[in-house]
């Protein structure tokens, strides 16, 4: 079902409250700390689908996302003892996946060269936020089709909830560059969403 979704109010990691884990997850974590392979497999099965979606948002194809996922879970299982049981495990897991994705982008030349994007000429758009008649999958695809530098900054700010200074530190960029890239990503995304909606309306009216 289509929903009115805002790509500019999707922040997550800053909004998560800290609660104790449910007993099943807490027990799995304890077993994973002991390097229990069965517990690791079960934990992977529980969280891999969600984490793959996060990894996919930072890449241009599923194969690279799967590589990031595997690399990320290796780090997770190597560092399980660092997780504090009072925290939200999925938030901790998510941060590892995001950091692994960023490292992957910097490590591979096909991505690294795209992280330093030149400013693009963009048409001005209305300051009003458009009503977005897209489902979540369609919206994520619009974000993934942005230039990689814009895609990365937008994901970190609008979805993960990092602020501009945190993003600048993560990507080793000047904070003004981060602000500019987010602004341009937002503008480009609005244009593409509006174009998608115009195309859909034209088809519906037989245009």
C-alpha atoms as a PDB file:
ATOM      1  CA  UNK A   1       0.000   0.000   0.000  1.00  0.00           C
ATOM      2  CA  UNK A   2       1.294   3.450  -0.940  1.00  0.00           C
ATOM      3  CA  UNK A   3       1.974   5.879   1.856  1.00  0.00           C
ATOM      4  CA  UNK A   4       2.827   9.534   2.195  1.00  0.00           C
ATOM      5  CA  UNK A   5       6.492   9.202   3.098  1.00  0.00           C
ATOM      6  CA  UNK A   6       9.002  11.938   3.796  1.00  0.00           C
ATOM      7  CA  UNK A   7      12.631  11.206   2.921  1.00  0.00           C
ATOM      8  CA  UNK A   8      13.532  14.186   5.107  1.00  0.00           C
ATOM      9  CA  UNK A   9      12.140  12.818   8.365  1.00  0.00           C
ATOM     10  CA  UNK A  10      13.464   9.266   8.438  1.00  0.00           C
ATOM     11  CA  UNK A  11      16.120   9.540  11.136  1.00  0.00           C
ATOM     12  CA  UNK A  12      16.608   6.415  13.193  1.00  0.00           C
ATOM     13  CA  UNK A  13      19.757   5.997  15.270  1.00  0.00           C
ATOM     14  CA  UNK A  14      19.267   9.147  17.353  1.00  0.00           C
ATOM     15  CA  UNK A  15      15.661   8.223  18.086  1.00  0.00           C
ATOM     16  CA  UNK A  16      16.236   4.752  19.485  1.00  0.00           C
ATOM     17  CA  UNK A  17      15.674   4.457  23.231  1.00  0.00           C
ATOM     18  CA  UNK A  18      17.963   2.304  25.306  1.00  0.00           C
ATOM     19  CA  UNK A  19      16.229  -0.706  26.800  1.00  0.00           C
ATOM     20  CA  UNK A  20      17.267  -4.104  28.022  1.00  0.00           C
ATOM     21  CA  UNK A  21      17.296  -6.875  25.430  1.00  0.00           C
ATOM     22  CA  UNK A  22      14.595  -9.512  25.472  1.00  0.00           C
ATOM     23  CA  UNK A  23      15.761 -12.645  27.207  1.00  0.00           C
ATOM     24  CA  UNK A  24      16.131 -14.691  24.021  1.00  0.00           C
ATOM     25  CA  UNK A  25      18.366 -12.116  22.322  1.00  0.00           C
ATOM     26  CA  UNK A  26      20.355 -11.533  25.502  1.00  0.00           C
ATOM     27  CA  UNK A  27      21.025 -15.268  25.785  1.00  0.00           C
ATOM     28  CA  UNK A  28      22.072 -15.466  22.133  1.00  0.00           C
ATOM     29  CA  UNK A  29      24.487 -12.572  22.655  1.00  0.00           C
ATOM     30  CA  UNK A  30      26.021 -14.293  25.682  1.00  0.00           C
ATOM     31  CA  UNK A  31      26.503 -17.467  23.657  1.00  0.00           C
ATOM     32  CA  UNK A  32      27.989 -15.518  20.745  1.00  0.00           C
ATOM     33  CA  UNK A  33      30.521 -13.942  23.110  1.00  0.00           C
ATOM     34  CA  UNK A  34      31.565 -17.523  23.929  1.00  0.00           C
ATOM     35  CA  UNK A  35      32.017 -18.138  20.157  1.00  0.00           C
ATOM     36  CA  UNK A  36      29.103 -20.579  20.032  1.00  0.00           C
ATOM     37  CA  UNK A  37      28.675 -21.251  16.287  1.00  0.00           C
ATOM     38  CA  UNK A  38      25.035 -22.305  16.575  1.00  0.00           C
ATOM     39  CA  UNK A  39      24.186 -19.076  18.416  1.00  0.00           C
ATOM     40  CA  UNK A  40      26.084 -17.058  15.806  1.00  0.00           C
ATOM     41  CA  UNK A  41      24.124 -18.736  13.017  1.00  0.00           C
ATOM     42  CA  UNK A  42      20.830 -18.039  14.783  1.00  0.00           C
ATOM     43  CA  UNK A  43      21.706 -14.393  15.442  1.00  0.00           C
ATOM     44  CA  UNK A  44      22.772 -14.001  11.813  1.00  0.00           C
ATOM     45  CA  UNK A  45      19.473 -15.434  10.643  1.00  0.00           C
ATOM     46  CA  UNK A  46      17.528 -13.023  12.832  1.00  0.00           C
ATOM     47  CA  UNK A  47      19.268  -9.846  11.714  1.00  0.00           C
ATOM     48  CA  UNK A  48      20.843 -10.493   8.296  1.00  0.00           C
ATOM     49  CA  UNK A  49      17.770  -9.530   6.191  1.00  0.00           C
ATOM     50  CA  UNK A  50      17.432  -6.137   7.896  1.00  0.00           C
ATOM     51  CA  UNK A  51      21.179  -5.467   7.851  1.00  0.00           C
ATOM     52  CA  UNK A  52      21.388  -6.402   4.162  1.00  0.00           C
ATOM     53  CA  UNK A  53      18.849  -3.674   3.436  1.00  0.00           C
ATOM     54  CA  UNK A  54      21.070  -1.167   5.242  1.00  0.00           C
ATOM     55  CA  UNK A  55      24.173  -2.310   3.346  1.00  0.00           C
ATOM     56  CA  UNK A  56      22.280  -2.144   0.044  1.00  0.00           C
ATOM     57  CA  UNK A  57      21.435   1.524   0.604  1.00  0.00           C
ATOM     58  CA  UNK A  58      25.134   2.425   0.430  1.00  0.00           C
ATOM     59  CA  UNK A  59      26.030   0.475  -2.717  1.00  0.00           C
ATOM     60  CA  UNK A  60      24.997   0.236  -6.334  1.00  0.00           C
ATOM     61  CA  UNK A  61      24.387  -3.522  -6.502  1.00  0.00           C
ATOM     62  CA  UNK A  62      23.314  -6.425  -4.321  1.00  0.00           C
ATOM     63  CA  UNK A  63      26.602  -8.325  -4.636  1.00  0.00           C
ATOM     64  CA  UNK A  64      28.557  -5.515  -2.992  1.00  0.00           C
ATOM     65  CA  UNK A  65      25.889  -5.224  -0.298  1.00  0.00           C
ATOM     66  CA  UNK A  66      26.262  -8.931   0.451  1.00  0.00           C
ATOM     67  CA  UNK A  67      30.050  -8.534   0.701  1.00  0.00           C
ATOM     68  CA  UNK A  68      29.568  -5.693   3.208  1.00  0.00           C
ATOM     69  CA  UNK A  69      27.072  -7.778   5.163  1.00  0.00           C
ATOM     70  CA  UNK A  70      29.499 -10.688   5.499  1.00  0.00           C
ATOM     71  CA  UNK A  71      32.387  -8.413   6.437  1.00  0.00           C
ATOM     72  CA  UNK A  72      30.171  -6.602   8.921  1.00  0.00           C
ATOM     73  CA  UNK A  73      29.072  -9.773  10.687  1.00  0.00           C
ATOM     74  CA  UNK A  74      32.689 -10.921  10.961  1.00  0.00           C
ATOM     75  CA  UNK A  75      33.358  -7.679  12.868  1.00  0.00           C
ATOM     76  CA  UNK A  76      30.220  -8.189  14.947  1.00  0.00           C
ATOM     77  CA  UNK A  77      31.246 -11.649  16.110  1.00  0.00           C
ATOM     78  CA  UNK A  78      34.830 -10.565  16.711  1.00  0.00           C
ATOM     79  CA  UNK A  79      33.688  -7.697  18.933  1.00  0.00           C
ATOM     80  CA  UNK A  80      30.613  -9.046  20.696  1.00  0.00           C
ATOM     81  CA  UNK A  81      32.165  -8.562  24.117  1.00  0.00           C
ATOM     82  CA  UNK A  82      32.193  -4.795  23.465  1.00  0.00           C
ATOM     83  CA  UNK A  83      28.407  -4.659  23.320  1.00  0.00           C
ATOM     84  CA  UNK A  84      26.852  -3.281  26.489  1.00  0.00           C
ATOM     85  CA  UNK A  85      23.763  -5.279  27.439  1.00  0.00           C
ATOM     86  CA  UNK A  86      21.897  -2.101  28.444  1.00  0.00           C
ATOM     87  CA  UNK A  87      21.977  -0.840  24.870  1.00  0.00           C
ATOM     88  CA  UNK A  88      19.796  -1.684  21.899  1.00  0.00           C
ATOM     89  CA  UNK A  89      21.588  -4.510  20.123  1.00  0.00           C
ATOM     90  CA  UNK A  90      20.163  -3.670  16.695  1.00  0.00           C
ATOM     91  CA  UNK A  91      21.408  -0.078  17.003  1.00  0.00           C
ATOM     92  CA  UNK A  92      24.908  -1.343  17.822  1.00  0.00           C
ATOM     93  CA  UNK A  93      24.722  -3.807  14.942  1.00  0.00           C
ATOM     94  CA  UNK A  94      23.486  -1.097  12.590  1.00  0.00           C
ATOM     95  CA  UNK A  95      26.414   1.204  13.402  1.00  0.00           C
ATOM     96  CA  UNK A  96      28.875  -1.568  12.605  1.00  0.00           C
ATOM     97  CA  UNK A  97      27.193  -2.196   9.242  1.00  0.00           C
ATOM     98  CA  UNK A  98      27.185   1.494   8.341  1.00  0.00           C
ATOM     99  CA  UNK A  99      30.858   1.886   9.275  1.00  0.00           C
ATOM    100  CA  UNK A 100      31.710  -1.273   7.323  1.00  0.00           C
ATOM    101  CA  UNK A 101      29.852   0.082   4.301  1.00  0.00           C
ATOM    102  CA  UNK A 102      31.765   3.370   4.456  1.00  0.00           C
ATOM    103  CA  UNK A 103      35.078   1.512   4.731  1.00  0.00           C
ATOM    104  CA  UNK A 104      34.073  -0.618   1.743  1.00  0.00           C
ATOM    105  CA  UNK A 105      33.334   2.478  -0.350  1.00  0.00           C
ATOM    106  CA  UNK A 106      36.719   3.984   0.488  1.00  0.00           C
ATOM    107  CA  UNK A 107      38.563   0.722  -0.135  1.00  0.00           C
ATOM    108  CA  UNK A 108      37.246   0.029  -3.648  1.00  0.00           C
ATOM    109  CA  UNK A 109      38.239   2.425  -6.425  1.00  0.00           C
ATOM    110  CA  UNK A 110      34.936   2.082  -8.280  1.00  0.00           C
ATOM    111  CA  UNK A 111      33.296   3.728  -5.276  1.00  0.00           C
ATOM    112  CA  UNK A 112      36.142   5.768  -3.809  1.00  0.00           C
ATOM    113  CA  UNK A 113      36.447   7.978  -6.869  1.00  0.00           C
ATOM    114  CA  UNK A 114      32.723   8.725  -6.770  1.00  0.00           C
ATOM    115  CA  UNK A 115      32.773   9.926  -3.178  1.00  0.00           C
ATOM    116  CA  UNK A 116      34.411  13.165  -4.312  1.00  0.00           C
ATOM    117  CA  UNK A 117      31.590  14.316  -6.560  1.00  0.00           C
ATOM    118  CA  UNK A 118      31.713  17.647  -8.339  1.00  0.00           C
ATOM    119  CA  UNK A 119      28.846  20.055  -7.779  1.00  0.00           C
ATOM    120  CA  UNK A 120      26.087  19.446 -10.273  1.00  0.00           C
ATOM    121  CA  UNK A 121      23.898  22.084 -11.874  1.00  0.00           C
ATOM    122  CA  UNK A 122      20.443  21.592 -10.406  1.00  0.00           C
ATOM    123  CA  UNK A 123      17.165  23.251 -11.189  1.00  0.00           C
ATOM    124  CA  UNK A 124      15.627  25.082  -8.230  1.00  0.00           C
ATOM    125  CA  UNK A 125      12.654  23.429  -6.585  1.00  0.00           C
ATOM    126  CA  UNK A 126       9.893  24.646  -4.364  1.00  0.00           C
ATOM    127  CA  UNK A 127      10.794  25.118  -0.707  1.00  0.00           C
ATOM    128  CA  UNK A 128       7.644  23.213   0.161  1.00  0.00           C
ATOM    129  CA  UNK A 129       8.161  19.540   0.758  1.00  0.00           C
ATOM    130  CA  UNK A 130       6.208  17.537  -1.845  1.00  0.00           C
ATOM    131  CA  UNK A 131       3.659  14.927  -0.877  1.00  0.00           C
ATOM    132  CA  UNK A 132       5.393  11.683  -1.722  1.00  0.00           C
ATOM    133  CA  UNK A 133       3.199   8.873  -2.990  1.00  0.00           C
ATOM    134  CA  UNK A 134       5.841   6.143  -3.013  1.00  0.00           C
ATOM    135  CA  UNK A 135       6.218   2.965  -1.050  1.00  0.00           C
ATOM    136  CA  UNK A 136       9.391   2.468   0.973  1.00  0.00           C
ATOM    137  CA  UNK A 137      11.072   0.290  -1.657  1.00  0.00           C
ATOM    138  CA  UNK A 138      10.521   2.878  -4.391  1.00  0.00           C
ATOM    139  CA  UNK A 139      11.821   5.662  -2.171  1.00  0.00           C
ATOM    140  CA  UNK A 140      14.965   3.712  -1.273  1.00  0.00           C
ATOM    141  CA  UNK A 141      15.574   3.073  -4.982  1.00  0.00           C
ATOM    142  CA  UNK A 142      15.327   6.815  -5.670  1.00  0.00           C
ATOM    143  CA  UNK A 143      17.938   7.429  -2.987  1.00  0.00           C
ATOM    144  CA  UNK A 144      20.192   4.673  -4.363  1.00  0.00           C
ATOM    145  CA  UNK A 145      20.089   6.265  -7.803  1.00  0.00           C
ATOM    146  CA  UNK A 146      21.626   9.498  -6.535  1.00  0.00           C
ATOM    147  CA  UNK A 147      25.339  10.071  -7.248  1.00  0.00           C
ATOM    148  CA  UNK A 148      27.264   8.042  -4.691  1.00  0.00           C
ATOM    149  CA  UNK A 149      28.526  10.994  -2.628  1.00  0.00           C
ATOM    150  CA  UNK A 150      25.004  12.417  -2.348  1.00  0.00           C
ATOM    151  CA  UNK A 151      23.547   8.973  -1.661  1.00  0.00           C
ATOM    152  CA  UNK A 152      26.020   8.391   1.170  1.00  0.00           C
ATOM    153  CA  UNK A 153      25.538  11.755   2.874  1.00  0.00           C
ATOM    154  CA  UNK A 154      21.756  11.587   2.510  1.00  0.00           C
ATOM    155  CA  UNK A 155      21.605   8.111   4.030  1.00  0.00           C
ATOM    156  CA  UNK A 156      23.768   9.119   6.973  1.00  0.00           C
ATOM    157  CA  UNK A 157      21.835  12.302   7.713  1.00  0.00           C
ATOM    158  CA  UNK A 158      18.212  11.628   6.781  1.00  0.00           C
ATOM    159  CA  UNK A 159      17.996   7.917   7.589  1.00  0.00           C
ATOM    160  CA  UNK A 160      20.712   7.038  10.100  1.00  0.00           C
ATOM    161  CA  UNK A 161      20.371  10.309  11.994  1.00  0.00           C
ATOM    162  CA  UNK A 162      23.984  11.477  12.094  1.00  0.00           C
ATOM    163  CA  UNK A 163      24.497  15.235  12.230  1.00  0.00           C
ATOM    164  CA  UNK A 164      26.650  17.162   9.750  1.00  0.00           C
ATOM    165  CA  UNK A 165      29.721  17.204  11.977  1.00  0.00           C
ATOM    166  CA  UNK A 166      29.515  13.461  12.615  1.00  0.00           C
ATOM    167  CA  UNK A 167      29.226  12.827   8.876  1.00  0.00           C
ATOM    168  CA  UNK A 168      32.175  15.111   8.183  1.00  0.00           C
ATOM    169  CA  UNK A 169      34.234  13.076  10.656  1.00  0.00           C
ATOM    170  CA  UNK A 170      33.084   9.739   9.222  1.00  0.00           C
ATOM    171  CA  UNK A 171      33.860  10.723   5.614  1.00  0.00           C
ATOM    172  CA  UNK A 172      36.850  12.955   6.343  1.00  0.00           C
ATOM    173  CA  UNK A 173      35.134  15.920   4.709  1.00  0.00           C
ATOM    174  CA  UNK A 174      34.750  19.588   5.521  1.00  0.00           C
ATOM    175  CA  UNK A 175      31.448  20.206   7.288  1.00  0.00           C
ATOM    176  CA  UNK A 176      30.452  22.780   4.639  1.00  0.00           C
ATOM    177  CA  UNK A 177      30.975  20.119   1.969  1.00  0.00           C
ATOM    178  CA  UNK A 178      28.658  17.793   3.875  1.00  0.00           C
ATOM    179  CA  UNK A 179      25.990  20.482   4.175  1.00  0.00           C
ATOM    180  CA  UNK A 180      26.286  21.255   0.455  1.00  0.00           C
ATOM    181  CA  UNK A 181      26.097  17.597  -0.553  1.00  0.00           C
ATOM    182  CA  UNK A 182      23.061  16.968   1.626  1.00  0.00           C
ATOM    183  CA  UNK A 183      21.302  20.054   0.246  1.00  0.00           C
ATOM    184  CA  UNK A 184      22.033  18.992  -3.312  1.00  0.00           C
ATOM    185  CA  UNK A 185      21.017  15.403  -2.607  1.00  0.00           C
ATOM    186  CA  UNK A 186      17.717  16.643  -1.191  1.00  0.00           C
ATOM    187  CA  UNK A 187      17.103  18.879  -4.205  1.00  0.00           C
ATOM    188  CA  UNK A 188      17.939  16.120  -6.674  1.00  0.00           C
ATOM    189  CA  UNK A 189      15.775  13.633  -4.819  1.00  0.00           C
ATOM    190  CA  UNK A 190      12.778  15.970  -4.819  1.00  0.00           C
ATOM    191  CA  UNK A 191      13.210  16.525  -8.559  1.00  0.00           C
ATOM    192  CA  UNK A 192      13.349  12.790  -9.248  1.00  0.00           C
ATOM    193  CA  UNK A 193      10.351  12.060  -7.046  1.00  0.00           C
ATOM    194  CA  UNK A 194       8.355  14.813  -8.736  1.00  0.00           C
ATOM    195  CA  UNK A 195       9.347  13.433 -12.132  1.00  0.00           C
ATOM    196  CA  UNK A 196       8.318   9.919 -11.098  1.00  0.00           C
ATOM    197  CA  UNK A 197       4.966  11.191  -9.885  1.00  0.00           C
ATOM    198  CA  UNK A 198       4.426  13.244 -13.055  1.00  0.00           C
ATOM    199  CA  UNK A 199       5.193  10.176 -15.169  1.00  0.00           C
ATOM    200  CA  UNK A 200       2.755   8.080 -13.140  1.00  0.00           C
ATOM    201  CA  UNK A 201       0.031  10.696 -13.487  1.00  0.00           C
ATOM    202  CA  UNK A 202       0.593  10.912 -17.231  1.00  0.00           C
ATOM    203  CA  UNK A 203       0.223   7.146 -17.561  1.00  0.00           C
ATOM    204  CA  UNK A 204      -2.901   7.151 -15.436  1.00  0.00           C
ATOM    205  CA  UNK A 205      -4.483   9.818 -17.646  1.00  0.00           C
ATOM    206  CA  UNK A 206      -3.293   8.142 -20.828  1.00  0.00           C
ATOM    207  CA  UNK A 207      -0.782  10.911 -21.565  1.00  0.00           C
END
